[in-house]
N, C-alpha and C. Protein backbone atom coordinates (compact mmCIF):
# COMPACT_ATOMS: atom_id res chain seq x y z
N MET A 1 0.92 -1.15 0.10
CA MET A 1 0.12 0.13 0.04
C MET A 1 0.77 1.25 0.16
N ILE A 2 0.43 2.12 -0.83
CA ILE A 2 1.26 3.43 -0.82
C ILE A 2 0.79 4.27 0.29
N ARG A 3 1.57 4.86 0.97
CA ARG A 3 1.54 5.69 2.09
C ARG A 3 1.86 7.28 1.58
N LEU A 4 0.78 8.21 1.79
CA LEU A 4 0.88 9.45 1.10
C LEU A 4 0.39 10.45 2.12
N PHE A 5 1.41 11.14 2.36
CA PHE A 5 1.12 12.43 3.42
C PHE A 5 0.73 13.51 2.36
N VAL A 6 -0.30 14.49 2.83
CA VAL A 6 -0.67 15.61 1.86
C VAL A 6 -0.77 17.08 2.96
N GLY A 7 -0.17 17.94 2.35
CA GLY A 7 -0.39 19.27 3.02
C GLY A 7 -1.69 19.91 3.51
N TRP A 8 -1.97 20.37 4.24
CA TRP A 8 -3.53 20.74 4.81
C TRP A 8 -2.97 22.47 5.38
N ASP A 9 -3.83 23.14 4.68
CA ASP A 9 -4.28 24.50 5.33
C ASP A 9 -5.59 24.62 4.98
N ASP A 10 -6.26 25.21 6.39
CA ASP A 10 -7.57 25.54 6.26
C ASP A 10 -7.93 26.57 5.27
N ARG A 11 -7.04 27.36 4.72
CA ARG A 11 -7.53 28.43 3.84
C ARG A 11 -7.42 27.89 2.19
N GLU A 12 -6.88 26.62 2.00
CA GLU A 12 -6.85 26.24 0.69
C GLU A 12 -7.28 24.77 0.97
N GLN A 13 -8.10 24.26 1.89
CA GLN A 13 -8.50 23.07 1.67
C GLN A 13 -9.17 22.25 0.49
N VAL A 14 -9.82 23.48 -0.23
CA VAL A 14 -10.50 22.45 -1.24
C VAL A 14 -9.37 22.05 -2.13
N GLY A 15 -8.15 22.51 -2.51
CA GLY A 15 -7.05 22.11 -3.00
C GLY A 15 -6.66 20.70 -2.80
N SER A 16 -6.66 20.47 -1.46
CA SER A 16 -6.37 19.21 -0.97
C SER A 16 -7.22 18.10 -1.08
N HIS A 17 -8.68 18.47 -1.34
CA HIS A 17 -9.68 17.54 -1.55
C HIS A 17 -9.39 17.03 -3.15
N ILE A 18 -9.04 18.24 -4.00
CA ILE A 18 -8.92 17.82 -5.19
C ILE A 18 -7.80 17.04 -5.71
N PHE A 19 -6.82 17.46 -4.98
CA PHE A 19 -5.61 16.50 -5.10
C PHE A 19 -5.73 15.19 -4.95
N ASP A 20 -6.46 14.92 -3.46
CA ASP A 20 -6.68 13.55 -3.20
C ASP A 20 -7.56 12.76 -4.26
N SER A 21 -8.52 13.65 -4.91
CA SER A 21 -9.52 12.84 -5.79
C SER A 21 -8.81 12.40 -7.28
N SER A 22 -7.63 13.41 -7.25
CA SER A 22 -6.78 13.16 -8.73
C SER A 22 -6.22 11.86 -8.41
N VAL A 23 -5.69 11.71 -7.31
CA VAL A 23 -4.65 10.66 -7.36
C VAL A 23 -5.40 9.28 -6.94
N VAL A 24 -6.47 9.43 -6.36
CA VAL A 24 -7.45 7.97 -6.24
C VAL A 24 -7.80 7.74 -7.44
N HIS A 25 -8.31 8.51 -8.27
CA HIS A 25 -8.88 8.30 -9.87
C HIS A 25 -7.77 7.64 -10.60
N ASN A 26 -6.66 7.94 -10.42
CA ASN A 26 -5.57 7.87 -11.36
C ASN A 26 -4.46 6.34 -10.72
N SER A 27 -4.54 6.30 -9.54
CA SER A 27 -3.85 5.06 -9.06
C SER A 27 -4.24 3.78 -9.14
N SER A 28 -3.36 3.07 -9.61
CA SER A 28 -3.33 1.54 -10.00
C SER A 28 -3.31 0.71 -8.73
N LEU A 29 -2.60 1.39 -7.48
CA LEU A 29 -2.61 0.64 -6.33
C LEU A 29 -3.45 1.24 -5.19
N PRO A 30 -3.78 0.65 -4.03
CA PRO A 30 -4.30 1.46 -2.84
C PRO A 30 -3.41 2.13 -2.39
N VAL A 31 -4.18 3.31 -1.91
CA VAL A 31 -3.19 4.63 -1.46
C VAL A 31 -3.95 5.07 0.18
N SER A 32 -2.93 5.18 1.04
CA SER A 32 -3.52 5.52 2.31
C SER A 32 -3.18 6.88 2.42
N ILE A 33 -4.06 8.04 2.43
CA ILE A 33 -3.67 9.15 2.63
C ILE A 33 -3.89 9.93 3.81
N THR A 34 -3.00 10.51 4.50
CA THR A 34 -2.86 11.41 5.91
C THR A 34 -2.70 12.75 5.44
N HIS A 35 -3.80 13.76 5.94
CA HIS A 35 -3.61 14.98 5.92
C HIS A 35 -2.63 15.53 6.90
N LEU A 36 -1.48 16.46 6.79
CA LEU A 36 -0.90 16.95 7.76
C LEU A 36 -1.49 18.41 8.27
N LYS A 37 -2.47 18.23 9.03
CA LYS A 37 -3.03 19.53 9.93
C LYS A 37 -2.13 19.73 10.94
N LYS A 38 -1.90 20.83 10.74
CA LYS A 38 -0.70 21.30 11.83
C LYS A 38 -1.07 21.42 13.17
N SER A 39 -2.27 21.71 13.79
CA SER A 39 -2.79 21.29 14.95
C SER A 39 -2.63 20.17 15.58
N ALA A 40 -3.09 19.36 14.65
CA ALA A 40 -3.07 17.71 15.27
C ALA A 40 -1.71 17.23 15.29
N VAL A 41 -0.76 17.85 14.34
CA VAL A 41 0.81 17.21 14.41
C VAL A 41 1.26 17.77 15.76
N GLN A 42 1.10 18.98 16.07
CA GLN A 42 1.45 19.87 17.07
C GLN A 42 1.12 18.89 18.64
N ASN A 43 -0.29 18.71 18.47
CA ASN A 43 -0.83 17.90 19.71
C ASN A 43 -0.21 16.40 19.88
N LEU A 44 0.21 15.87 18.79
CA LEU A 44 0.80 14.62 18.80
C LEU A 44 2.25 14.59 19.89
N TYR A 45 2.87 15.73 19.11
CA TYR A 45 4.27 15.79 19.56
C TYR A 45 4.50 16.89 20.64
N GLY A 46 3.35 17.54 20.91
CA GLY A 46 3.70 18.42 22.13
C GLY A 46 4.76 19.77 21.78
N GLN A 47 4.80 19.96 20.38
CA GLN A 47 5.92 20.89 19.92
C GLN A 47 4.90 22.10 19.27
N GLN A 48 5.47 23.51 19.58
CA GLN A 48 5.02 24.41 18.88
C GLN A 48 5.57 24.48 17.29
N ILE A 49 4.72 24.46 16.12
CA ILE A 49 5.57 24.37 14.74
C ILE A 49 5.43 25.81 14.06
N GLU A 50 6.18 26.45 13.70
CA GLU A 50 6.21 27.74 12.81
C GLU A 50 5.61 27.53 11.57
N ASP A 51 4.82 28.59 11.41
CA ASP A 51 4.15 28.73 10.09
C ASP A 51 5.08 29.04 9.06
N GLY A 52 4.98 28.68 7.87
CA GLY A 52 5.83 29.41 6.63
C GLY A 52 4.39 30.08 6.06
N THR A 53 4.67 30.18 4.50
CA THR A 53 3.70 30.91 3.87
C THR A 53 2.36 29.83 3.96
N ASN A 54 2.48 28.69 4.25
CA ASN A 54 1.35 27.77 4.61
C ASN A 54 1.47 27.10 5.98
N ALA A 55 0.40 26.71 6.32
CA ALA A 55 0.50 25.92 7.61
C ALA A 55 1.30 24.72 7.80
N PHE A 56 1.64 24.03 6.63
CA PHE A 56 2.44 22.62 6.61
C PHE A 56 3.83 22.85 6.12
N THR A 57 4.22 23.72 6.24
CA THR A 57 5.88 24.16 5.78
C THR A 57 6.69 22.97 6.58
N LEU A 58 6.46 22.90 7.93
CA LEU A 58 7.35 22.06 8.60
C LEU A 58 7.05 20.66 8.81
N SER A 59 5.77 20.56 9.15
CA SER A 59 4.95 19.27 9.22
C SER A 59 5.53 18.37 8.27
N ARG A 60 5.83 18.48 6.95
CA ARG A 60 6.17 17.57 6.16
C ARG A 60 7.31 16.64 6.52
N PHE A 61 8.44 17.39 7.31
CA PHE A 61 9.52 16.77 7.55
C PHE A 61 9.46 15.81 8.73
N MET A 62 8.23 15.88 9.22
CA MET A 62 7.95 14.86 10.41
C MET A 62 7.47 13.86 9.94
N VAL A 63 7.11 13.41 8.55
CA VAL A 63 6.62 12.37 8.08
C VAL A 63 7.28 10.98 8.69
N PRO A 64 8.84 10.84 8.44
CA PRO A 64 9.33 9.80 9.08
C PRO A 64 9.10 9.35 10.34
N ALA A 65 8.93 10.36 11.41
CA ALA A 65 8.44 10.07 12.61
C ALA A 65 7.33 9.57 12.69
N LEU A 66 6.35 10.28 12.04
CA LEU A 66 4.74 9.56 12.01
C LEU A 66 4.94 8.17 11.54
N CYS A 67 5.90 7.92 10.74
CA CYS A 67 5.84 6.43 10.28
C CYS A 67 6.88 5.49 11.01
N ASP A 68 7.13 5.97 12.36
CA ASP A 68 8.29 5.41 13.16
C ASP A 68 9.25 4.91 12.69
N TYR A 69 9.88 5.91 11.76
CA TYR A 69 11.49 5.84 10.97
C TYR A 69 11.37 4.12 10.30
N LEU A 70 10.29 3.96 9.74
CA LEU A 70 10.27 2.77 9.06
C LEU A 70 9.42 2.76 7.68
N GLY A 71 9.97 2.07 6.75
CA GLY A 71 9.31 1.89 5.51
C GLY A 71 9.61 3.41 4.62
N TRP A 72 8.49 3.56 3.65
CA TRP A 72 8.65 4.52 2.92
C TRP A 72 7.35 5.26 3.02
N ALA A 73 7.33 6.55 2.42
CA ALA A 73 6.20 7.32 2.26
C ALA A 73 6.42 8.48 1.13
N ILE A 74 5.27 9.07 0.56
CA ILE A 74 5.33 10.11 -0.11
C ILE A 74 4.76 11.29 0.31
N PHE A 75 5.27 12.37 0.29
CA PHE A 75 4.99 13.76 0.79
C PHE A 75 4.73 14.33 -0.42
N ALA A 76 3.30 15.14 -0.54
CA ALA A 76 3.25 16.29 -1.39
C ALA A 76 2.42 17.32 -0.95
N ASP A 77 2.78 18.66 -1.68
CA ASP A 77 2.23 19.93 -0.86
C ASP A 77 0.80 19.57 -1.06
N GLY A 78 0.16 18.93 -2.21
CA GLY A 78 -1.21 18.63 -2.47
C GLY A 78 -2.31 19.69 -2.63
N ALA A 79 -2.12 20.75 -1.58
CA ALA A 79 -3.10 21.61 -1.72
C ALA A 79 -3.20 22.80 -2.87
N ASP A 80 -1.85 22.77 -3.59
CA ASP A 80 -1.84 23.27 -5.05
C ASP A 80 -1.25 22.47 -6.01
N MET A 81 -1.78 21.30 -6.09
CA MET A 81 -1.35 20.31 -6.92
C MET A 81 -2.56 19.45 -7.90
N LEU A 82 -2.34 18.86 -8.88
CA LEU A 82 -3.16 17.92 -9.26
C LEU A 82 -2.25 16.81 -9.87
N CYS A 83 -2.83 15.61 -9.47
CA CYS A 83 -2.07 14.21 -10.08
C CYS A 83 -2.69 13.87 -11.12
N ARG A 84 -1.81 13.88 -12.43
CA ARG A 84 -2.35 13.69 -13.67
C ARG A 84 -1.74 11.95 -14.14
N GLY A 85 -0.96 11.26 -13.37
CA GLY A 85 -0.28 10.20 -13.52
C GLY A 85 -0.74 9.35 -12.46
N ASP A 86 -0.09 7.92 -12.46
CA ASP A 86 -0.48 6.88 -11.73
C ASP A 86 0.52 6.93 -10.63
N ILE A 87 0.26 7.27 -9.42
CA ILE A 87 1.29 7.61 -8.29
C ILE A 87 1.99 6.31 -8.04
N ALA A 88 1.26 5.12 -8.46
CA ALA A 88 2.23 3.96 -8.24
C ALA A 88 3.48 3.94 -8.97
N GLU A 89 3.49 4.67 -10.17
CA GLU A 89 4.79 4.82 -10.99
C GLU A 89 5.69 5.53 -10.23
N LEU A 90 5.43 6.42 -9.25
CA LEU A 90 6.07 7.46 -8.65
C LEU A 90 6.77 6.57 -7.51
N TRP A 91 5.77 5.69 -6.78
CA TRP A 91 6.15 4.70 -5.74
C TRP A 91 7.10 3.88 -6.08
N ALA A 92 6.96 3.28 -7.49
CA ALA A 92 7.98 2.30 -7.99
C ALA A 92 9.49 2.96 -8.30
N GLN A 93 9.79 4.11 -7.97
CA GLN A 93 11.02 4.67 -8.18
C GLN A 93 11.78 4.72 -6.80
N ARG A 94 11.25 4.01 -5.73
CA ARG A 94 11.69 3.94 -4.41
C ARG A 94 13.54 3.43 -4.53
N ASN A 95 14.45 4.16 -4.14
CA ASN A 95 15.76 3.90 -4.27
C ASN A 95 16.38 3.57 -2.98
N SER A 96 16.72 2.63 -2.22
CA SER A 96 17.02 2.64 -0.97
C SER A 96 18.40 3.21 -0.82
N ASN A 97 19.19 3.75 -1.84
CA ASN A 97 20.50 4.23 -1.53
C ASN A 97 20.28 5.84 -1.20
N TYR A 98 19.15 6.20 -1.10
CA TYR A 98 18.63 7.81 -0.88
C TYR A 98 18.11 7.70 0.55
N ALA A 99 18.04 8.90 1.01
CA ALA A 99 16.95 9.22 2.53
C ALA A 99 15.72 9.72 1.67
N VAL A 100 15.86 10.49 0.80
CA VAL A 100 14.78 11.17 0.05
C VAL A 100 15.08 11.56 -1.56
N GLN A 101 14.04 11.30 -2.05
CA GLN A 101 14.12 11.78 -3.96
C GLN A 101 13.13 12.77 -4.07
N VAL A 102 13.86 13.74 -4.71
CA VAL A 102 13.01 14.92 -5.15
C VAL A 102 13.28 15.30 -6.68
N VAL A 103 12.52 16.20 -7.04
CA VAL A 103 12.62 17.01 -8.25
C VAL A 103 13.49 18.22 -8.01
N LYS A 104 14.85 18.19 -8.72
CA LYS A 104 15.81 19.02 -8.15
C LYS A 104 15.47 20.38 -8.97
N HIS A 105 14.56 21.22 -8.70
CA HIS A 105 14.41 22.53 -9.55
C HIS A 105 15.70 23.44 -9.17
N ASP A 106 15.95 24.08 -10.21
CA ASP A 106 16.99 25.30 -10.02
C ASP A 106 16.55 26.46 -11.05
N TYR A 107 16.18 27.41 -10.34
CA TYR A 107 15.28 28.43 -10.67
C TYR A 107 15.15 29.54 -10.06
N LYS A 108 14.74 30.71 -10.66
CA LYS A 108 14.46 32.03 -10.12
C LYS A 108 13.02 32.52 -10.20
N THR A 109 12.18 32.68 -9.27
CA THR A 109 10.97 32.58 -9.56
C THR A 109 10.30 33.91 -10.63
N ARG A 110 9.54 33.73 -10.99
CA ARG A 110 8.77 34.79 -12.06
C ARG A 110 7.87 35.43 -11.28
N ASN A 111 7.51 35.08 -10.31
CA ASN A 111 6.43 35.76 -9.29
C ASN A 111 6.97 36.14 -8.21
N PRO A 112 7.19 37.41 -7.89
CA PRO A 112 7.74 37.93 -6.77
C PRO A 112 6.58 37.85 -5.43
N ARG A 113 5.53 37.76 -5.82
CA ARG A 113 4.57 37.55 -4.94
C ARG A 113 3.42 36.11 -5.01
N LYS A 114 3.13 35.78 -3.70
CA LYS A 114 2.28 34.34 -4.37
C LYS A 114 0.70 34.60 -3.45
N TYR A 115 -0.10 33.96 -3.68
CA TYR A 115 -1.45 34.17 -3.19
C TYR A 115 -2.03 35.41 -3.17
N ILE A 116 -1.66 35.94 -4.38
CA ILE A 116 -2.22 37.35 -4.40
C ILE A 116 -3.68 37.40 -4.43
N GLY A 117 -4.15 38.30 -3.63
CA GLY A 117 -5.68 38.53 -3.67
C GLY A 117 -6.30 37.58 -2.34
N THR A 118 -5.66 37.07 -1.51
CA THR A 118 -6.01 36.34 -0.63
C THR A 118 -5.53 36.63 0.81
N LYS A 119 -5.83 35.98 1.68
CA LYS A 119 -5.23 36.34 3.34
C LYS A 119 -3.88 35.62 3.47
N MET A 120 -3.53 34.70 2.39
CA MET A 120 -2.22 34.16 2.36
C MET A 120 -1.18 34.77 1.72
N GLU A 121 -1.48 35.85 0.94
CA GLU A 121 -0.51 36.72 0.22
C GLU A 121 0.81 36.74 0.87
N ALA A 122 1.69 36.77 0.17
CA ALA A 122 2.84 36.74 0.70
C ALA A 122 4.10 36.88 -0.35
N ASP A 123 5.21 37.41 0.22
CA ASP A 123 6.56 37.61 -0.84
C ASP A 123 6.91 36.16 -1.23
N ASN A 124 7.27 35.88 -2.29
CA ASN A 124 7.83 34.58 -2.78
C ASN A 124 8.98 34.76 -3.06
N ARG A 125 10.01 34.43 -1.90
CA ARG A 125 11.37 34.64 -2.11
C ARG A 125 12.28 33.53 -2.61
N ASP A 126 13.33 33.90 -3.16
CA ASP A 126 14.27 32.79 -3.75
C ASP A 126 15.12 32.20 -2.71
N TYR A 127 15.51 30.84 -2.99
CA TYR A 127 16.58 30.38 -2.09
C TYR A 127 17.19 29.03 -2.72
N GLU A 128 18.19 28.52 -2.30
CA GLU A 128 18.66 27.47 -2.95
C GLU A 128 17.76 26.01 -2.46
N ARG A 129 17.64 25.26 -3.42
CA ARG A 129 16.61 23.95 -3.46
C ARG A 129 15.13 24.55 -3.31
N LYS A 130 14.79 25.54 -3.68
CA LYS A 130 13.56 26.09 -3.61
C LYS A 130 12.46 25.15 -4.09
N ASN A 131 11.55 24.58 -3.66
CA ASN A 131 10.31 23.53 -4.01
C ASN A 131 11.02 22.33 -4.07
N TRP A 132 11.97 22.12 -3.82
CA TRP A 132 12.77 20.80 -3.67
C TRP A 132 11.67 19.64 -2.70
N ALA A 133 11.18 20.16 -1.58
CA ALA A 133 10.77 19.65 -0.65
C ALA A 133 9.04 19.70 -0.59
N SER A 134 8.63 20.10 -1.89
CA SER A 134 7.29 20.32 -2.33
C SER A 134 6.61 18.99 -2.48
N LEU A 135 7.53 17.84 -3.21
CA LEU A 135 7.04 16.37 -3.59
C LEU A 135 8.19 15.40 -3.08
N MET A 136 8.27 14.75 -2.02
CA MET A 136 9.42 14.04 -1.64
C MET A 136 8.76 12.44 -1.52
N LEU A 137 9.82 11.55 -1.99
CA LEU A 137 9.67 10.40 -1.81
C LEU A 137 10.62 9.85 -0.67
N MET A 138 10.29 9.59 0.39
CA MET A 138 10.77 9.71 1.80
C MET A 138 11.28 7.98 2.25
N ASN A 139 12.41 8.11 2.43
CA ASN A 139 13.03 6.47 2.87
C ASN A 139 13.11 6.75 4.36
N CYS A 140 11.73 6.67 4.88
CA CYS A 140 11.86 7.06 6.48
C CYS A 140 12.78 6.06 7.22
N GLY A 141 13.09 5.03 6.94
CA GLY A 141 14.04 4.23 7.78
C GLY A 141 15.77 4.42 7.24
N HIS A 142 15.93 5.69 6.69
CA HIS A 142 17.35 6.03 6.43
C HIS A 142 17.95 6.75 7.66
N HIS A 143 19.19 6.46 7.99
CA HIS A 143 19.60 7.09 9.00
C HIS A 143 19.51 8.52 9.18
N ALA A 144 19.66 9.24 7.70
CA ALA A 144 19.77 10.29 7.54
C ALA A 144 18.45 11.26 8.43
N TRP A 145 17.64 10.65 8.43
CA TRP A 145 16.16 11.11 9.01
C TRP A 145 16.40 11.25 10.75
N ARG A 146 17.16 10.05 11.20
CA ARG A 146 17.29 10.05 12.57
C ARG A 146 17.45 11.21 13.45
N GLY A 147 18.16 12.24 12.76
CA GLY A 147 18.26 13.27 13.11
C GLY A 147 17.47 14.62 13.00
N MET A 148 16.16 14.16 12.36
CA MET A 148 15.16 15.26 12.00
C MET A 148 13.84 14.63 13.09
N THR A 149 14.15 14.71 14.22
CA THR A 149 12.94 14.49 15.21
C THR A 149 12.09 15.59 15.15
N PRO A 150 11.10 15.40 15.60
CA PRO A 150 10.24 16.59 15.88
C PRO A 150 10.50 17.69 16.58
N ALA A 151 11.09 17.29 17.66
CA ALA A 151 11.79 18.50 18.66
C ALA A 151 12.89 19.36 17.85
N ILE A 152 13.87 18.72 17.12
CA ILE A 152 14.75 19.22 16.32
C ILE A 152 14.03 20.15 15.09
N ILE A 153 13.21 19.61 14.48
CA ILE A 153 12.71 20.47 13.27
C ILE A 153 12.06 21.52 14.13
N ALA A 154 11.19 21.48 14.84
CA ALA A 154 10.58 22.76 15.58
C ALA A 154 11.36 23.81 16.04
N SER A 155 12.68 23.42 16.34
CA SER A 155 13.59 24.29 16.92
C SER A 155 14.75 25.06 15.95
N LYS A 156 14.89 24.17 14.47
CA LYS A 156 15.78 24.80 13.88
C LYS A 156 15.23 26.09 12.78
N PRO A 157 16.29 26.71 12.22
CA PRO A 157 15.54 27.64 11.03
C PRO A 157 14.53 26.97 10.02
N MET A 158 13.89 27.59 10.00
CA MET A 158 12.81 26.78 8.65
C MET A 158 13.66 26.85 7.40
N LEU A 159 14.20 27.96 7.00
CA LEU A 159 14.79 27.68 5.69
C LEU A 159 15.85 26.78 5.73
N SER A 160 16.55 26.47 6.69
CA SER A 160 17.46 25.48 6.72
C SER A 160 17.28 24.08 6.63
N THR A 161 15.83 23.94 7.11
CA THR A 161 15.07 22.68 6.85
C THR A 161 14.81 22.24 5.68
N LEU A 162 14.10 23.67 4.77
CA LEU A 162 13.47 23.31 3.67
C LEU A 162 14.75 23.08 2.51
N GLN A 163 15.87 23.53 2.83
CA GLN A 163 17.13 23.34 1.81
C GLN A 163 17.82 22.08 2.25
N PHE A 164 17.21 21.16 3.20
CA PHE A 164 17.81 19.71 3.73
C PHE A 164 19.19 20.29 4.02
N GLU A 165 19.54 21.21 4.79
CA GLU A 165 20.97 21.34 5.45
C GLU A 165 21.00 20.13 6.40
N GLY A 166 22.05 19.62 6.71
CA GLY A 166 22.13 18.43 7.57
C GLY A 166 22.21 17.06 6.71
N PHE A 167 21.67 17.19 5.44
CA PHE A 167 21.79 15.75 4.88
C PHE A 167 22.92 15.94 4.02
N ASP A 168 23.59 14.80 3.66
CA ASP A 168 24.68 14.79 2.55
C ASP A 168 24.05 14.75 1.49
N ASN A 169 24.75 15.36 0.31
CA ASN A 169 24.36 15.58 -1.02
C ASN A 169 23.96 14.44 -1.56
N ARG A 170 24.80 13.04 -1.34
CA ARG A 170 24.83 11.55 -1.84
C ARG A 170 23.35 11.15 -1.35
N ASP A 171 22.88 11.68 -0.10
CA ASP A 171 21.67 11.13 0.18
C ASP A 171 20.32 11.57 -0.45
N ILE A 172 20.44 12.54 -1.18
CA ILE A 172 19.22 13.21 -1.81
C ILE A 172 19.08 12.79 -3.32
N GLY A 173 18.40 11.87 -3.55
CA GLY A 173 18.24 11.36 -5.10
C GLY A 173 17.16 12.12 -5.97
N SER A 174 17.20 12.11 -7.26
CA SER A 174 16.48 12.81 -8.20
C SER A 174 15.43 12.25 -8.93
N LEU A 175 14.12 13.13 -8.93
CA LEU A 175 13.11 12.56 -9.67
C LEU A 175 12.88 13.21 -10.89
N PRO A 176 12.25 12.52 -11.83
CA PRO A 176 12.07 13.23 -13.27
C PRO A 176 10.86 14.27 -12.88
N VAL A 177 11.39 15.41 -13.54
CA VAL A 177 10.65 16.70 -13.56
C VAL A 177 9.15 16.69 -13.57
N GLU A 178 8.60 15.77 -14.62
CA GLU A 178 7.18 15.52 -14.46
C GLU A 178 6.45 15.46 -13.42
N TRP A 179 7.30 15.08 -12.34
CA TRP A 179 6.68 14.60 -11.15
C TRP A 179 6.22 15.79 -10.28
N ASN A 180 6.81 16.80 -10.55
CA ASN A 180 6.56 18.02 -9.83
C ASN A 180 7.03 19.29 -10.81
N TRP A 181 5.70 19.53 -11.77
CA TRP A 181 5.84 20.39 -12.64
C TRP A 181 5.17 21.58 -12.33
N MET A 182 5.89 22.77 -12.32
CA MET A 182 5.49 23.84 -11.75
C MET A 182 4.99 24.92 -12.93
N VAL A 183 3.76 24.67 -13.13
CA VAL A 183 3.13 25.47 -14.35
C VAL A 183 3.28 27.05 -14.28
N ASP A 184 3.21 27.56 -13.09
CA ASP A 184 3.36 28.95 -13.20
C ASP A 184 4.73 29.37 -13.27
N GLU A 185 5.84 28.64 -13.32
CA GLU A 185 7.12 28.88 -13.63
C GLU A 185 7.71 28.47 -14.91
N GLN A 186 7.21 27.08 -15.23
CA GLN A 186 7.72 26.40 -16.29
C GLN A 186 6.81 26.51 -17.48
N GLY A 187 5.35 26.76 -17.36
CA GLY A 187 4.38 26.61 -18.33
C GLY A 187 3.86 25.43 -18.54
N PRO A 188 2.85 25.27 -19.33
CA PRO A 188 2.08 24.08 -19.37
C PRO A 188 2.92 23.01 -20.00
N ASN A 189 2.50 21.73 -19.72
CA ASN A 189 3.15 20.57 -20.09
C ASN A 189 2.05 19.42 -20.21
N PRO A 190 1.67 19.03 -21.38
CA PRO A 190 0.57 17.76 -21.28
C PRO A 190 1.45 16.35 -20.80
N ASP A 191 2.45 16.33 -20.67
CA ASP A 191 3.10 15.36 -20.25
C ASP A 191 3.55 15.24 -18.54
N ALA A 192 3.00 16.27 -17.93
CA ALA A 192 3.35 16.50 -16.63
C ALA A 192 2.50 15.38 -15.72
N LYS A 193 3.24 14.87 -14.76
CA LYS A 193 2.45 13.80 -13.81
C LYS A 193 1.76 14.41 -12.67
N ILE A 194 2.42 15.33 -11.97
CA ILE A 194 2.02 16.10 -11.16
C ILE A 194 2.08 17.54 -11.51
N ILE A 195 0.81 18.32 -11.63
CA ILE A 195 0.89 19.81 -11.95
C ILE A 195 1.03 20.41 -10.45
N HIS A 196 1.63 21.56 -10.44
CA HIS A 196 1.94 22.19 -9.20
C HIS A 196 1.92 23.67 -9.45
N TRP A 197 0.60 24.48 -8.79
CA TRP A 197 0.58 25.85 -8.88
C TRP A 197 1.15 26.34 -7.74
N THR A 198 2.49 26.89 -7.90
CA THR A 198 3.45 27.20 -6.93
C THR A 198 2.94 28.49 -6.16
N ALA A 199 2.40 29.74 -7.18
CA ALA A 199 1.93 30.91 -6.73
C ALA A 199 0.77 30.78 -6.22
N GLY A 200 -0.40 30.15 -6.64
CA GLY A 200 -1.64 30.10 -6.19
C GLY A 200 -2.60 29.12 -7.06
N VAL A 201 -3.16 28.35 -6.31
CA VAL A 201 -4.23 27.70 -7.13
C VAL A 201 -5.32 28.36 -7.79
N PRO A 202 -5.70 27.60 -8.86
CA PRO A 202 -6.80 28.21 -9.74
C PRO A 202 -8.10 28.49 -8.97
N GLY A 203 -8.27 28.05 -7.62
CA GLY A 203 -9.59 28.29 -6.98
C GLY A 203 -9.36 29.65 -6.66
N PHE A 204 -8.19 30.39 -6.75
CA PHE A 204 -8.06 31.65 -6.17
C PHE A 204 -8.44 32.61 -7.48
N GLU A 205 -9.14 33.69 -7.40
CA GLU A 205 -9.34 34.42 -8.56
C GLU A 205 -8.26 34.92 -9.28
N HIS A 206 -7.46 35.50 -8.62
CA HIS A 206 -6.09 35.81 -9.61
C HIS A 206 -5.40 34.76 -10.23
N TYR A 207 -5.69 33.67 -9.87
CA TYR A 207 -4.94 32.67 -10.59
C TYR A 207 -6.20 31.48 -11.45
N ALA A 208 -7.30 32.17 -11.63
CA ALA A 208 -8.23 31.28 -12.48
C ALA A 208 -8.05 30.85 -13.63
N ALA A 209 -7.09 32.01 -14.50
CA ALA A 209 -6.83 31.21 -15.85
C ALA A 209 -5.32 31.04 -16.07
N THR A 210 -4.78 30.20 -14.98
CA THR A 210 -3.39 29.64 -15.24
C THR A 210 -3.35 28.48 -16.13
N PRO A 211 -2.03 27.84 -16.42
CA PRO A 211 -2.17 26.89 -17.21
C PRO A 211 -2.74 25.75 -16.46
N HIS A 212 -3.52 24.88 -17.16
CA HIS A 212 -4.08 23.62 -16.94
C HIS A 212 -5.30 23.82 -15.74
N SER A 213 -5.73 25.16 -15.59
CA SER A 213 -6.80 25.41 -14.52
C SER A 213 -7.80 24.72 -14.99
N ASP A 214 -8.35 24.28 -16.25
CA ASP A 214 -9.53 23.75 -16.75
C ASP A 214 -9.65 22.53 -16.37
N GLU A 215 -8.42 21.63 -15.88
CA GLU A 215 -8.33 20.38 -15.49
C GLU A 215 -8.54 20.37 -13.82
N TRP A 216 -8.25 21.54 -13.25
CA TRP A 216 -8.31 21.49 -11.99
C TRP A 216 -9.96 21.62 -11.68
N ARG A 217 -10.53 22.65 -12.51
CA ARG A 217 -11.91 22.58 -12.21
C ARG A 217 -12.80 21.56 -12.60
N ALA A 218 -12.24 20.67 -13.61
CA ALA A 218 -12.95 19.51 -14.08
C ALA A 218 -12.90 18.55 -12.73
N GLU A 219 -11.62 18.60 -12.14
CA GLU A 219 -11.73 17.62 -10.81
C GLU A 219 -12.44 18.25 -9.57
N LEU A 220 -12.62 19.38 -9.44
CA LEU A 220 -13.26 20.07 -8.62
C LEU A 220 -14.89 19.39 -8.82
N LYS A 221 -15.32 19.47 -10.23
CA LYS A 221 -16.48 18.96 -10.38
C LYS A 221 -16.56 17.78 -9.91
N LYS A 222 -15.83 16.56 -9.95
CA LYS A 222 -15.91 15.43 -9.66
C LYS A 222 -15.97 15.55 -7.94
N VAL A 223 -15.60 16.01 -7.25
CA VAL A 223 -15.28 16.17 -5.86
C VAL A 223 -16.52 16.76 -5.58
N ASN A 224 -17.42 17.60 -6.18
CA ASN A 224 -18.53 18.43 -5.79
C ASN A 224 -19.73 17.50 -6.10
N HIS A 225 -19.89 16.29 -6.68
CA HIS A 225 -20.95 15.51 -7.09
C HIS A 225 -20.77 14.25 -7.01
N ALA A 226 -21.59 13.82 -6.29
CA ALA A 226 -21.67 12.09 -6.01
C ALA A 226 -22.03 11.27 -7.16
N THR A 227 -22.59 11.86 -8.15
CA THR A 227 -22.68 11.06 -9.54
C THR A 227 -22.48 11.89 -10.57
N ASP A 228 -22.16 11.36 -11.79
CA ASP A 228 -21.71 12.00 -12.99
C ASP A 228 -22.86 12.62 -13.52
């Protein structure tokens, strides 16, 4: 069974439901989906977790602890994503040589502000390894995660965690770019497996006409209706 952890923020929860729906509709294997709601993770570990531009910025790094440092898991931002491929194909790329496998984006953003027109609006700053952690294939039993306890994650600077500081470069493997395709930075891609609207989901008015937004609304229609 595929273990999938999805980001959760009350302010864009419709996006998480749409992502879940798209995963289930396209997966050829059973998927167990867990939403990373910040308050629930805090209650579990008794740790205050700092917010980033969304509520699950740091919770994602607690997935190995949630899995008792055993087995594998996938983390996806989810709230601003749509899965077009079979997530079992991503699961099949697990490589025990690595602690984590990511799409290694190398770019400067074209969007200096994100979530424009919403209560989430914020600066969209550039930094090394930006968006690497938005989609992770995680080897929870790898020794590199042992130093990432919930207490340590809560105490470290957020940016250092997002940049995988403390991980040896050889422990970070690569995934094909189609599994984290950033349409508002890279443009449309009919071959994308996971579409990622990094600046704002099409459900926000400012981003209603972004690339592939028609597919997002089609999935929303599935979520909103019990029958076709």
